[in-house]
N, C-alpha and C. Protein backbone atom coordinates (compact mmCIF):
# COMPACT_ATOMS: atom_id res chain seq x y z
N MET A 1 0.76 -7.21 6.03
CA MET A 1 -0.09 -7.38 4.88
C MET A 1 0.71 -8.05 3.78
N GLY A 2 0.08 -8.95 3.05
CA GLY A 2 0.74 -9.68 1.98
C GLY A 2 0.62 -8.96 0.65
N VAL A 3 1.11 -9.61 -0.38
CA VAL A 3 1.06 -9.09 -1.74
C VAL A 3 -0.31 -9.38 -2.34
N ILE A 4 -0.87 -8.40 -3.05
CA ILE A 4 -2.14 -8.58 -3.73
C ILE A 4 -1.94 -8.26 -5.21
N ASN A 5 -2.28 -9.21 -6.08
CA ASN A 5 -2.19 -9.01 -7.52
C ASN A 5 -3.59 -9.09 -8.11
N VAL A 6 -3.99 -8.06 -8.84
CA VAL A 6 -5.25 -8.05 -9.57
C VAL A 6 -4.87 -8.01 -11.05
N ASP A 7 -5.10 -9.13 -11.74
CA ASP A 7 -4.67 -9.29 -13.13
C ASP A 7 -5.86 -9.56 -14.04
N PRO A 8 -5.67 -9.38 -15.36
CA PRO A 8 -6.73 -9.77 -16.30
C PRO A 8 -7.02 -11.26 -16.13
N ALA A 9 -8.25 -11.68 -16.42
CA ALA A 9 -8.63 -13.09 -16.29
C ALA A 9 -7.69 -13.97 -17.09
N ASN A 10 -7.30 -15.11 -16.50
CA ASN A 10 -6.42 -16.11 -17.12
C ASN A 10 -5.02 -15.60 -17.41
N SER A 11 -4.58 -14.57 -16.74
CA SER A 11 -3.24 -14.02 -16.93
C SER A 11 -2.22 -14.87 -16.17
N THR A 12 -0.98 -14.88 -16.65
CA THR A 12 0.10 -15.57 -15.94
C THR A 12 1.08 -14.57 -15.33
N SER A 13 0.71 -13.30 -15.30
CA SER A 13 1.56 -12.25 -14.75
C SER A 13 1.67 -12.39 -13.24
N THR A 14 2.88 -12.17 -12.70
CA THR A 14 3.10 -12.17 -11.26
C THR A 14 3.97 -10.99 -10.87
N SER A 15 3.89 -10.59 -9.61
CA SER A 15 4.69 -9.47 -9.13
C SER A 15 4.83 -9.58 -7.62
N TRP A 16 6.05 -9.40 -7.10
CA TRP A 16 6.26 -9.40 -5.65
C TRP A 16 5.85 -8.08 -5.03
N GLN A 17 5.67 -7.02 -5.83
CA GLN A 17 5.27 -5.73 -5.30
C GLN A 17 3.75 -5.53 -5.35
N GLY A 18 3.04 -6.41 -6.03
CA GLY A 18 1.60 -6.26 -6.21
C GLY A 18 1.32 -5.67 -7.58
N HIS A 19 0.12 -5.86 -8.06
CA HIS A 19 -0.25 -5.43 -9.41
C HIS A 19 -1.74 -5.14 -9.42
N ASN A 20 -2.16 -4.10 -10.14
CA ASN A 20 -3.57 -3.75 -10.25
C ASN A 20 -3.88 -3.44 -11.70
N ASP A 21 -4.54 -4.39 -12.39
CA ASP A 21 -4.90 -4.22 -13.79
C ASP A 21 -6.17 -3.38 -13.92
N THR A 22 -6.15 -2.38 -14.81
CA THR A 22 -7.34 -1.57 -15.07
C THR A 22 -7.77 -1.65 -16.53
N SER A 23 -7.21 -2.61 -17.30
CA SER A 23 -7.48 -2.66 -18.74
C SER A 23 -8.67 -3.56 -19.09
N THR A 24 -9.14 -4.42 -18.18
CA THR A 24 -10.24 -5.32 -18.49
C THR A 24 -11.25 -5.34 -17.34
N LEU A 25 -12.46 -5.83 -17.64
CA LEU A 25 -13.49 -5.94 -16.61
C LEU A 25 -13.38 -7.26 -15.84
N GLU A 26 -13.00 -8.35 -16.53
CA GLU A 26 -12.85 -9.64 -15.87
C GLU A 26 -11.48 -9.71 -15.21
N LYS A 27 -11.44 -10.11 -13.95
CA LYS A 27 -10.20 -10.10 -13.17
C LYS A 27 -9.96 -11.43 -12.48
N ASP A 28 -8.70 -11.72 -12.20
CA ASP A 28 -8.28 -12.78 -11.29
C ASP A 28 -7.54 -12.09 -10.16
N ILE A 29 -7.84 -12.46 -8.92
CA ILE A 29 -7.19 -11.85 -7.76
C ILE A 29 -6.38 -12.92 -7.05
N LEU A 30 -5.10 -12.65 -6.83
CA LEU A 30 -4.20 -13.57 -6.13
C LEU A 30 -3.68 -12.86 -4.89
N THR A 31 -3.91 -13.47 -3.73
CA THR A 31 -3.44 -12.92 -2.47
C THR A 31 -2.53 -13.93 -1.80
N ILE A 32 -1.38 -13.48 -1.33
CA ILE A 32 -0.44 -14.35 -0.64
C ILE A 32 -0.39 -13.93 0.83
N ILE A 33 -0.65 -14.88 1.71
CA ILE A 33 -0.59 -14.61 3.14
C ILE A 33 0.34 -15.61 3.81
N HIS A 34 0.82 -15.25 4.97
CA HIS A 34 1.64 -16.15 5.78
C HIS A 34 0.92 -16.37 7.10
N ALA A 35 0.83 -17.62 7.52
CA ALA A 35 0.18 -17.93 8.78
C ALA A 35 1.06 -18.88 9.58
N THR A 36 1.11 -18.66 10.87
CA THR A 36 1.86 -19.53 11.76
C THR A 36 0.89 -20.03 12.83
N PHE A 37 0.90 -21.33 13.08
CA PHE A 37 0.03 -21.88 14.09
C PHE A 37 0.71 -23.08 14.73
N ALA A 38 0.22 -23.47 15.87
CA ALA A 38 0.78 -24.61 16.59
C ALA A 38 -0.35 -25.58 16.97
N LEU A 39 -0.07 -26.86 16.89
CA LEU A 39 -1.02 -27.88 17.33
C LEU A 39 -0.64 -28.31 18.73
N ARG A 40 -1.62 -28.46 19.60
CA ARG A 40 -1.37 -28.86 20.99
C ARG A 40 -2.07 -30.13 21.30
C-alpha cells in the first residue's frame, strides 16, 4: 500500500508517512502508487 495524504484544499503540505486533515470540509487527496509492467 502506498502513502495517502488527505489535506485541506489547495494545501502544499506533504508527508511520507501519510496525513489526514480533519480541520476543513474541502479536501485534496494525494495517493502515491508504484506499478511495474512489461511490454511484449
